[in-house]
Amino acid sequence: MNNFTKCLIKGDAGEVIIDNLLKEMGYYVYSPPDGKNHPIDRLCLKSYEVNAYDVKTKPRRNDYRDSGYDYIDHCKYIKVNDSVKVSIFFVDTLTKSIYWAKLDDLLDISESFDYPRRKVTYPSREWAYNHETGCKVEVIYFPLSAFRTIRSLTEDEIEAINGLPEKLKEAKK
């Protein structure tokens, strides 16, 4: 299995986890047609309120108390946020937890932290090497303090993210 396929399995597993979580909270979840490029993972509806969300199935950084995503995605989220409010969910195997933030809250962040190696001012745009794609990408990072933890991941969810998707097949039905 190549790195790109592993990345898709992780992303799909994270999306299923968040879909199920939101359904348990009473949301109706709508996803784009398979195989189509899209600026956001899902739309969800509860009562008469529509929200958009994107799921990042990735761990926080090891040396910093932060997490981030591709800056090019961030620019897409800002455009979508003009029409429907966007939230970002992280499914994090390092912290073994799910956390999230509204994009509007992330856009208001202005914090600095002193780490042993250097000081970081958030949001922080940095070039990073993506080990799954083998490419260098611009990433925007936010402090973990900007996110709200929802819950811990179950062992089945962690196994699904790590390449055993059969653990989530039953949950997806």
N, C-alpha and C. Protein backbone atom coordinates (compact mmCIF):
# COMPACT_ATOMS: atom_id res chain seq x y z
N MET A 1 0.86 -1.17 0.00
CA MET A 1 0.00 0.00 0.00
C MET A 1 0.91 1.24 0.00
N ASN A 2 0.67 2.15 -0.95
CA ASN A 2 1.51 3.34 -1.01
C ASN A 2 1.03 4.40 0.00
N ASN A 3 1.85 5.43 0.18
CA ASN A 3 1.55 6.47 1.17
C ASN A 3 0.25 7.21 0.86
N PHE A 4 -0.03 7.45 -0.42
CA PHE A 4 -1.26 8.17 -0.78
C PHE A 4 -2.50 7.36 -0.38
N THR A 5 -2.46 6.04 -0.62
CA THR A 5 -3.58 5.18 -0.24
C THR A 5 -3.76 5.17 1.28
N LYS A 6 -2.65 5.10 2.02
CA LYS A 6 -2.71 5.16 3.49
C LYS A 6 -3.37 6.46 3.95
N CYS A 7 -3.01 7.55 3.29
CA CYS A 7 -3.57 8.86 3.62
C CYS A 7 -5.08 8.88 3.40
N LEU A 8 -5.54 8.27 2.30
CA LEU A 8 -6.98 8.21 2.01
C LEU A 8 -7.72 7.37 3.05
N ILE A 9 -7.12 6.25 3.45
CA ILE A 9 -7.75 5.39 4.46
C ILE A 9 -7.89 6.16 5.77
N LYS A 10 -6.83 6.86 6.17
CA LYS A 10 -6.88 7.65 7.41
C LYS A 10 -7.96 8.72 7.31
N GLY A 11 -7.97 9.44 6.18
CA GLY A 11 -8.95 10.51 6.00
C GLY A 11 -10.37 10.00 6.00
N ASP A 12 -10.60 8.88 5.31
CA ASP A 12 -11.95 8.28 5.28
C ASP A 12 -12.38 7.85 6.68
N ALA A 13 -11.45 7.24 7.43
CA ALA A 13 -11.77 6.79 8.79
C ALA A 13 -12.14 7.98 9.67
N GLY A 14 -11.37 9.06 9.58
CA GLY A 14 -11.68 10.26 10.36
C GLY A 14 -13.03 10.85 10.02
N GLU A 15 -13.35 10.88 8.73
CA GLU A 15 -14.64 11.42 8.31
C GLU A 15 -15.79 10.58 8.85
N VAL A 16 -15.65 9.24 8.83
CA VAL A 16 -16.69 8.36 9.36
C VAL A 16 -16.87 8.62 10.86
N ILE A 17 -15.76 8.76 11.58
CA ILE A 17 -15.83 9.01 13.02
C ILE A 17 -16.60 10.30 13.31
N ILE A 18 -16.28 11.35 12.58
CA ILE A 18 -16.95 12.64 12.81
C ILE A 18 -18.40 12.59 12.33
N ASP A 19 -18.65 11.95 11.19
CA ASP A 19 -20.04 11.79 10.73
C ASP A 19 -20.89 11.13 11.81
N ASN A 20 -20.39 10.03 12.36
CA ASN A 20 -21.14 9.31 13.40
C ASN A 20 -21.33 10.16 14.63
N LEU A 21 -20.31 10.89 15.03
CA LEU A 21 -20.40 11.76 16.20
C LEU A 21 -21.50 12.81 16.01
N LEU A 22 -21.51 13.46 14.84
CA LEU A 22 -22.52 14.50 14.59
C LEU A 22 -23.92 13.90 14.46
N LYS A 23 -24.03 12.73 13.88
CA LYS A 23 -25.34 12.08 13.80
C LYS A 23 -25.87 11.76 15.19
N GLU A 24 -24.98 11.31 16.08
CA GLU A 24 -25.37 11.05 17.48
C GLU A 24 -25.85 12.32 18.17
N MET A 25 -25.35 13.47 17.71
CA MET A 25 -25.73 14.76 18.29
C MET A 25 -26.99 15.33 17.62
N GLY A 26 -27.59 14.56 16.70
CA GLY A 26 -28.84 14.98 16.07
C GLY A 26 -28.70 15.72 14.76
N TYR A 27 -27.51 15.74 14.18
CA TYR A 27 -27.30 16.41 12.89
C TYR A 27 -27.59 15.46 11.73
N TYR A 28 -28.07 16.01 10.64
CA TYR A 28 -28.14 15.30 9.37
C TYR A 28 -26.87 15.69 8.63
N VAL A 29 -26.16 14.68 8.12
CA VAL A 29 -24.86 14.91 7.50
C VAL A 29 -24.96 14.64 6.00
N TYR A 30 -24.46 15.59 5.21
CA TYR A 30 -24.49 15.49 3.75
C TYR A 30 -23.06 15.54 3.24
N SER A 31 -22.72 14.60 2.35
CA SER A 31 -21.37 14.57 1.80
C SER A 31 -21.42 14.76 0.28
N PRO A 32 -20.33 15.26 -0.30
CA PRO A 32 -20.29 15.47 -1.75
C PRO A 32 -20.23 14.14 -2.49
N PRO A 33 -20.54 14.14 -3.77
CA PRO A 33 -20.48 12.90 -4.56
C PRO A 33 -19.07 12.31 -4.51
N ASP A 34 -18.98 10.98 -4.50
CA ASP A 34 -17.68 10.31 -4.46
C ASP A 34 -16.84 10.68 -5.68
N GLY A 35 -15.54 10.79 -5.44
CA GLY A 35 -14.61 11.04 -6.52
C GLY A 35 -14.56 12.47 -7.03
N LYS A 36 -15.33 13.34 -6.45
CA LYS A 36 -15.36 14.72 -6.91
C LYS A 36 -14.51 15.60 -5.98
N ASN A 37 -13.75 16.50 -6.56
CA ASN A 37 -12.99 17.45 -5.76
C ASN A 37 -13.96 18.45 -5.14
N HIS A 38 -13.74 18.79 -3.89
CA HIS A 38 -14.67 19.67 -3.18
C HIS A 38 -13.90 20.50 -2.17
N PRO A 39 -14.38 21.70 -1.88
CA PRO A 39 -13.67 22.58 -0.96
C PRO A 39 -13.89 22.25 0.51
N ILE A 40 -14.87 21.41 0.81
CA ILE A 40 -15.20 21.11 2.21
C ILE A 40 -15.69 19.66 2.27
N ASP A 41 -15.46 18.98 3.41
CA ASP A 41 -15.83 17.56 3.51
C ASP A 41 -17.33 17.34 3.62
N ARG A 42 -18.00 18.13 4.45
CA ARG A 42 -19.40 17.85 4.73
C ARG A 42 -20.20 19.13 5.01
N LEU A 43 -21.50 19.00 4.79
CA LEU A 43 -22.48 19.98 5.30
C LEU A 43 -23.31 19.23 6.32
N CYS A 44 -23.72 19.90 7.36
CA CYS A 44 -24.60 19.25 8.34
C CYS A 44 -25.72 20.21 8.70
N LEU A 45 -26.85 19.62 9.03
CA LEU A 45 -28.06 20.38 9.30
C LEU A 45 -28.68 19.90 10.61
N LYS A 46 -29.03 20.85 11.46
CA LYS A 46 -29.75 20.55 12.69
C LYS A 46 -30.77 21.67 12.87
N SER A 47 -32.01 21.30 13.04
CA SER A 47 -33.11 22.27 13.05
C SER A 47 -33.05 23.01 11.72
N TYR A 48 -32.84 24.31 11.74
CA TYR A 48 -32.76 25.07 10.50
C TYR A 48 -31.41 25.72 10.33
N GLU A 49 -30.40 25.16 10.99
CA GLU A 49 -29.06 25.71 10.93
C GLU A 49 -28.16 24.79 10.10
N VAL A 50 -27.51 25.36 9.10
CA VAL A 50 -26.59 24.61 8.24
C VAL A 50 -25.17 25.02 8.58
N ASN A 51 -24.29 24.04 8.72
CA ASN A 51 -22.88 24.28 8.97
C ASN A 51 -22.06 23.42 8.01
N ALA A 52 -20.84 23.84 7.78
CA ALA A 52 -19.90 23.07 6.98
C ALA A 52 -18.76 22.64 7.88
N TYR A 53 -18.17 21.50 7.58
CA TYR A 53 -17.00 21.10 8.36
C TYR A 53 -16.02 20.31 7.51
N ASP A 54 -14.79 20.38 7.93
CA ASP A 54 -13.73 19.62 7.31
C ASP A 54 -13.05 18.81 8.41
N VAL A 55 -12.60 17.63 8.05
CA VAL A 55 -11.99 16.72 9.01
C VAL A 55 -10.52 16.54 8.66
N LYS A 56 -9.67 16.70 9.64
CA LYS A 56 -8.24 16.47 9.50
C LYS A 56 -7.88 15.28 10.39
N THR A 57 -7.50 14.19 9.75
CA THR A 57 -7.12 12.99 10.49
C THR A 57 -5.60 12.96 10.54
N LYS A 58 -5.09 13.64 11.55
CA LYS A 58 -3.64 13.76 11.67
C LYS A 58 -3.29 14.14 13.10
N PRO A 59 -2.10 13.74 13.53
CA PRO A 59 -1.68 14.10 14.89
C PRO A 59 -1.19 15.54 14.97
N ARG A 60 -1.22 16.06 16.18
CA ARG A 60 -0.61 17.36 16.41
C ARG A 60 0.89 17.22 16.22
N ARG A 61 1.60 18.35 16.16
CA ARG A 61 3.06 18.28 16.03
C ARG A 61 3.67 17.80 17.34
N ASN A 62 4.78 17.09 17.24
CA ASN A 62 5.46 16.55 18.42
C ASN A 62 6.10 17.63 19.29
N ASP A 63 6.79 18.55 18.68
CA ASP A 63 7.60 19.52 19.43
C ASP A 63 6.84 20.79 19.81
N TYR A 64 5.61 20.92 19.34
CA TYR A 64 4.83 22.12 19.60
C TYR A 64 3.41 21.71 20.01
N ARG A 65 2.80 22.50 20.85
CA ARG A 65 1.41 22.21 21.26
C ARG A 65 0.47 22.89 20.27
N ASP A 66 0.50 22.37 19.03
CA ASP A 66 -0.34 22.94 17.98
C ASP A 66 -0.70 21.89 16.95
N SER A 67 -1.59 22.26 16.07
CA SER A 67 -1.97 21.42 14.96
C SER A 67 -2.32 22.33 13.80
N GLY A 68 -2.27 21.80 12.60
CA GLY A 68 -2.53 22.64 11.45
C GLY A 68 -2.94 21.85 10.22
N TYR A 69 -3.12 22.58 9.15
CA TYR A 69 -3.54 22.00 7.88
C TYR A 69 -2.99 22.87 6.76
N ASP A 70 -3.11 22.36 5.53
CA ASP A 70 -2.57 23.07 4.37
C ASP A 70 -3.17 24.46 4.25
N TYR A 71 -2.32 25.42 4.01
CA TYR A 71 -2.78 26.81 3.89
C TYR A 71 -3.72 26.98 2.71
N ILE A 72 -3.50 26.22 1.65
CA ILE A 72 -4.40 26.32 0.48
C ILE A 72 -5.82 25.92 0.87
N ASP A 73 -5.97 24.93 1.77
CA ASP A 73 -7.30 24.55 2.27
C ASP A 73 -7.88 25.68 3.11
N HIS A 74 -7.04 26.31 3.91
CA HIS A 74 -7.48 27.43 4.76
C HIS A 74 -8.13 28.53 3.91
N CYS A 75 -7.51 28.83 2.77
CA CYS A 75 -8.06 29.86 1.88
C CYS A 75 -9.44 29.45 1.34
N LYS A 76 -9.61 28.16 1.03
CA LYS A 76 -10.92 27.66 0.58
C LYS A 76 -11.95 27.78 1.69
N TYR A 77 -11.55 27.43 2.92
CA TYR A 77 -12.48 27.50 4.05
C TYR A 77 -12.98 28.93 4.27
N ILE A 78 -12.10 29.88 4.11
CA ILE A 78 -12.49 31.29 4.29
C ILE A 78 -13.56 31.68 3.28
N LYS A 79 -13.40 31.23 2.04
CA LYS A 79 -14.40 31.54 1.00
C LYS A 79 -15.74 30.87 1.33
N VAL A 80 -15.71 29.61 1.75
CA VAL A 80 -16.95 28.90 2.10
C VAL A 80 -17.60 29.57 3.31
N ASN A 81 -16.78 30.01 4.26
CA ASN A 81 -17.27 30.61 5.50
C ASN A 81 -18.09 31.88 5.25
N ASP A 82 -17.91 32.51 4.10
CA ASP A 82 -18.73 33.68 3.74
C ASP A 82 -20.19 33.30 3.54
N SER A 83 -20.44 32.04 3.15
CA SER A 83 -21.79 31.57 2.88
C SER A 83 -22.37 30.72 4.00
N VAL A 84 -21.55 29.85 4.55
CA VAL A 84 -21.99 28.93 5.61
C VAL A 84 -20.83 28.76 6.58
N LYS A 85 -21.13 28.77 7.85
CA LYS A 85 -20.08 28.72 8.88
C LYS A 85 -19.33 27.39 8.83
N VAL A 86 -18.00 27.49 8.89
CA VAL A 86 -17.11 26.33 8.78
C VAL A 86 -16.51 26.00 10.14
N SER A 87 -16.44 24.71 10.43
CA SER A 87 -15.72 24.20 11.60
C SER A 87 -14.68 23.20 11.12
N ILE A 88 -13.58 23.11 11.86
CA ILE A 88 -12.51 22.17 11.55
C ILE A 88 -12.42 21.17 12.69
N PHE A 89 -12.49 19.89 12.35
CA PHE A 89 -12.35 18.81 13.32
C PHE A 89 -11.01 18.11 13.12
N PHE A 90 -10.32 17.82 14.21
CA PHE A 90 -9.10 17.02 14.16
C PHE A 90 -9.36 15.69 14.85
N VAL A 91 -8.99 14.63 14.17
CA VAL A 91 -9.01 13.28 14.72
C VAL A 91 -7.53 12.93 14.89
N ASP A 92 -7.07 12.97 16.14
CA ASP A 92 -5.64 12.99 16.45
C ASP A 92 -5.22 11.71 17.16
N THR A 93 -4.37 10.90 16.48
CA THR A 93 -3.93 9.64 17.07
C THR A 93 -2.80 9.84 18.09
N LEU A 94 -2.14 10.97 18.10
CA LEU A 94 -1.11 11.22 19.10
C LEU A 94 -1.74 11.51 20.46
N THR A 95 -2.72 12.40 20.48
CA THR A 95 -3.42 12.71 21.72
C THR A 95 -4.57 11.73 21.98
N LYS A 96 -4.86 10.90 20.96
CA LYS A 96 -5.97 9.94 21.01
C LYS A 96 -7.28 10.64 21.35
N SER A 97 -7.50 11.75 20.63
CA SER A 97 -8.70 12.54 20.92
C SER A 97 -9.23 13.20 19.66
N ILE A 98 -10.46 13.73 19.81
CA ILE A 98 -11.12 14.51 18.78
C ILE A 98 -11.28 15.91 19.34
N TYR A 99 -10.83 16.90 18.57
CA TYR A 99 -11.02 18.29 18.98
C TYR A 99 -11.42 19.12 17.77
N TRP A 100 -12.01 20.28 18.04
CA TRP A 100 -12.54 21.09 16.94
C TRP A 100 -12.52 22.57 17.29
N ALA A 101 -12.70 23.38 16.24
CA ALA A 101 -12.85 24.83 16.42
C ALA A 101 -13.65 25.38 15.25
N LYS A 102 -14.36 26.45 15.54
CA LYS A 102 -15.02 27.20 14.46
C LYS A 102 -13.95 28.01 13.74
N LEU A 103 -14.04 28.08 12.42
CA LEU A 103 -13.07 28.85 11.65
C LEU A 103 -13.04 30.30 12.11
N ASP A 104 -14.21 30.89 12.41
CA ASP A 104 -14.24 32.28 12.88
C ASP A 104 -13.37 32.47 14.12
N ASP A 105 -13.36 31.49 15.03
CA ASP A 105 -12.53 31.58 16.23
C ASP A 105 -11.05 31.47 15.88
N LEU A 106 -10.72 30.59 14.94
CA LEU A 106 -9.32 30.46 14.53
C LEU A 106 -8.81 31.73 13.85
N LEU A 107 -9.71 32.39 13.11
CA LEU A 107 -9.30 33.62 12.43
C LEU A 107 -8.99 34.75 13.41
N ASP A 108 -9.52 34.65 14.63
CA ASP A 108 -9.29 35.67 15.66
C ASP A 108 -8.07 35.40 16.53
N ILE A 109 -7.41 34.27 16.33
CA ILE A 109 -6.27 33.90 17.18
C ILE A 109 -5.10 34.86 16.96
N SER A 110 -4.51 35.26 18.05
CA SER A 110 -3.26 36.03 18.02
C SER A 110 -2.54 35.77 19.34
N GLU A 111 -1.74 34.70 19.35
CA GLU A 111 -1.05 34.27 20.56
C GLU A 111 0.38 33.90 20.23
N SER A 112 1.25 34.05 21.19
CA SER A 112 2.64 33.62 21.05
C SER A 112 2.99 32.67 22.17
N PHE A 113 3.82 31.68 21.84
CA PHE A 113 4.29 30.72 22.83
C PHE A 113 5.79 30.56 22.69
N ASP A 114 6.47 30.49 23.82
CA ASP A 114 7.90 30.23 23.83
C ASP A 114 8.12 28.74 23.99
N TYR A 115 8.68 28.12 22.96
CA TYR A 115 9.03 26.72 23.00
C TYR A 115 10.54 26.62 23.19
N PRO A 116 11.07 25.46 23.58
CA PRO A 116 12.51 25.35 23.80
C PRO A 116 13.36 25.76 22.59
N ARG A 117 12.89 25.45 21.38
CA ARG A 117 13.69 25.75 20.19
C ARG A 117 13.47 27.16 19.65
N ARG A 118 12.25 27.69 19.84
CA ARG A 118 11.95 29.01 19.28
C ARG A 118 10.60 29.51 19.77
N LYS A 119 10.33 30.75 19.49
CA LYS A 119 9.04 31.36 19.81
C LYS A 119 8.15 31.23 18.57
N VAL A 120 6.88 30.88 18.79
CA VAL A 120 5.93 30.75 17.68
C VAL A 120 4.76 31.68 17.93
N THR A 121 4.44 32.49 16.93
CA THR A 121 3.27 33.36 16.99
C THR A 121 2.20 32.77 16.08
N TYR A 122 1.01 32.59 16.66
CA TYR A 122 -0.10 31.97 15.93
C TYR A 122 -1.10 33.01 15.46
N PRO A 123 -1.75 32.71 14.31
CA PRO A 123 -1.50 31.56 13.46
C PRO A 123 -0.10 31.65 12.84
N SER A 124 0.49 30.48 12.64
CA SER A 124 1.86 30.39 12.12
C SER A 124 1.83 29.67 10.78
N ARG A 125 2.29 30.37 9.75
CA ARG A 125 2.39 29.75 8.42
C ARG A 125 3.83 29.31 8.22
N GLU A 126 3.98 28.00 7.93
CA GLU A 126 5.31 27.42 7.79
C GLU A 126 5.31 26.41 6.66
N TRP A 127 6.49 26.23 6.06
CA TRP A 127 6.64 25.18 5.06
C TRP A 127 6.96 23.88 5.79
N ALA A 128 6.30 22.81 5.40
CA ALA A 128 6.51 21.52 6.05
C ALA A 128 6.57 20.43 4.98
N TYR A 129 7.30 19.39 5.28
CA TYR A 129 7.38 18.24 4.39
C TYR A 129 6.27 17.27 4.75
N ASN A 130 5.44 16.94 3.77
CA ASN A 130 4.36 15.98 3.97
C ASN A 130 4.89 14.59 3.65
N HIS A 131 5.05 13.76 4.68
CA HIS A 131 5.63 12.43 4.50
C HIS A 131 4.72 11.50 3.71
N GLU A 132 3.42 11.77 3.71
CA GLU A 132 2.49 10.90 2.98
C GLU A 132 2.51 11.17 1.49
N THR A 133 2.68 12.43 1.11
CA THR A 133 2.67 12.75 -0.32
C THR A 133 4.07 12.97 -0.88
N GLY A 134 5.04 13.18 0.01
CA GLY A 134 6.41 13.43 -0.44
C GLY A 134 6.61 14.84 -0.96
N CYS A 135 5.70 15.75 -0.64
CA CYS A 135 5.78 17.13 -1.13
C CYS A 135 5.98 18.11 0.02
N LYS A 136 6.53 19.24 -0.31
CA LYS A 136 6.64 20.34 0.65
C LYS A 136 5.40 21.20 0.47
N VAL A 137 4.71 21.50 1.58
CA VAL A 137 3.47 22.27 1.52
C VAL A 137 3.50 23.38 2.56
N GLU A 138 2.75 24.44 2.30
CA GLU A 138 2.61 25.50 3.29
C GLU A 138 1.47 25.12 4.23
N VAL A 139 1.77 25.15 5.52
CA VAL A 139 0.81 24.73 6.54
C VAL A 139 0.55 25.91 7.46
N ILE A 140 -0.71 26.05 7.88
CA ILE A 140 -1.05 27.05 8.89
C ILE A 140 -1.35 26.31 10.19
N TYR A 141 -0.67 26.74 11.25
CA TYR A 141 -0.80 26.08 12.56
C TYR A 141 -1.53 26.99 13.54
N PHE A 142 -2.27 26.33 14.44
CA PHE A 142 -2.99 27.01 15.52
C PHE A 142 -2.67 26.30 16.83
N PRO A 143 -2.64 27.04 17.94
CA PRO A 143 -2.35 26.39 19.22
C PRO A 143 -3.49 25.46 19.63
N LEU A 144 -3.15 24.38 20.30
CA LEU A 144 -4.19 23.45 20.76
C LEU A 144 -5.18 24.13 21.69
N SER A 145 -4.76 25.20 22.35
CA SER A 145 -5.66 25.93 23.25
C SER A 145 -6.83 26.58 22.50
N ALA A 146 -6.72 26.69 21.17
CA ALA A 146 -7.80 27.28 20.37
C ALA A 146 -8.91 26.28 20.07
N PHE A 147 -8.65 25.01 20.38
CA PHE A 147 -9.60 23.95 20.06
C PHE A 147 -10.30 23.44 21.31
N ARG A 148 -11.49 22.89 21.11
CA ARG A 148 -12.24 22.26 22.20
C ARG A 148 -12.22 20.75 22.01
N THR A 149 -11.80 20.06 23.04
CA THR A 149 -11.78 18.59 22.97
C THR A 149 -13.20 18.06 23.14
N ILE A 150 -13.57 17.13 22.26
CA ILE A 150 -14.90 16.53 22.31
C ILE A 150 -14.86 15.24 23.13
N ARG A 151 -13.93 14.35 22.77
CA ARG A 151 -13.83 13.08 23.48
C ARG A 151 -12.56 12.35 23.04
N SER A 152 -12.29 11.26 23.74
CA SER A 152 -11.16 10.40 23.38
C SER A 152 -11.57 9.48 22.23
N LEU A 153 -10.58 9.03 21.47
CA LEU A 153 -10.82 8.03 20.44
C LEU A 153 -10.91 6.65 21.07
N THR A 154 -11.75 5.79 20.50
CA THR A 154 -11.82 4.41 20.97
C THR A 154 -10.68 3.62 20.32
N GLU A 155 -10.38 2.45 20.87
CA GLU A 155 -9.33 1.60 20.28
C GLU A 155 -9.71 1.18 18.86
N ASP A 156 -10.99 0.88 18.61
CA ASP A 156 -11.43 0.52 17.25
C ASP A 156 -11.21 1.68 16.29
N GLU A 157 -11.48 2.89 16.73
CA GLU A 157 -11.27 4.06 15.87
C GLU A 157 -9.79 4.25 15.55
N ILE A 158 -8.95 4.06 16.53
CA ILE A 158 -7.50 4.20 16.31
C ILE A 158 -7.01 3.13 15.33
N GLU A 159 -7.50 1.90 15.49
CA GLU A 159 -7.13 0.82 14.57
C GLU A 159 -7.60 1.13 13.15
N ALA A 160 -8.79 1.69 13.01
CA ALA A 160 -9.32 2.04 11.68
C ALA A 160 -8.45 3.11 11.04
N ILE A 161 -8.04 4.10 11.80
CA ILE A 161 -7.18 5.16 11.28
C ILE A 161 -5.82 4.60 10.86
N ASN A 162 -5.34 3.62 11.61
CA ASN A 162 -4.03 3.03 11.34
C ASN A 162 -4.06 1.95 10.26
N GLY A 163 -5.16 1.88 9.51
CA GLY A 163 -5.18 0.99 8.35
C GLY A 163 -6.00 -0.26 8.49
N LEU A 164 -6.86 -0.33 9.48
CA LEU A 164 -7.76 -1.47 9.63
C LEU A 164 -9.20 -0.98 9.50
N PRO A 165 -9.59 -0.51 8.28
CA PRO A 165 -10.90 0.12 8.11
C PRO A 165 -12.08 -0.78 8.39
N GLU A 166 -11.88 -2.12 8.45
CA GLU A 166 -13.02 -2.99 8.75
C GLU A 166 -13.60 -2.70 10.13
N LYS A 167 -12.81 -2.07 11.00
CA LYS A 167 -13.30 -1.73 12.34
C LYS A 167 -14.42 -0.70 12.29
N LEU A 168 -14.48 0.08 11.20
CA LEU A 168 -15.54 1.11 11.10
C LEU A 168 -16.64 0.72 10.12
N LYS A 169 -16.51 -0.40 9.44
CA LYS A 169 -17.52 -0.76 8.43
C LYS A 169 -18.91 -0.86 9.04
N GLU A 170 -19.01 -1.49 10.17
CA GLU A 170 -20.32 -1.63 10.82
C GLU A 170 -20.88 -0.27 11.21
N ALA A 171 -20.02 0.61 11.69
CA ALA A 171 -20.47 1.94 12.12
C ALA A 171 -20.94 2.77 10.95
N LYS A 172 -20.42 2.49 9.76
CA LYS A 172 -20.76 3.30 8.58
C LYS A 172 -22.15 2.97 8.04
N LYS A 173 -22.68 1.78 8.38
CA LYS A 173 -23.99 1.35 7.84
C LYS A 173 -25.12 2.12 8.45
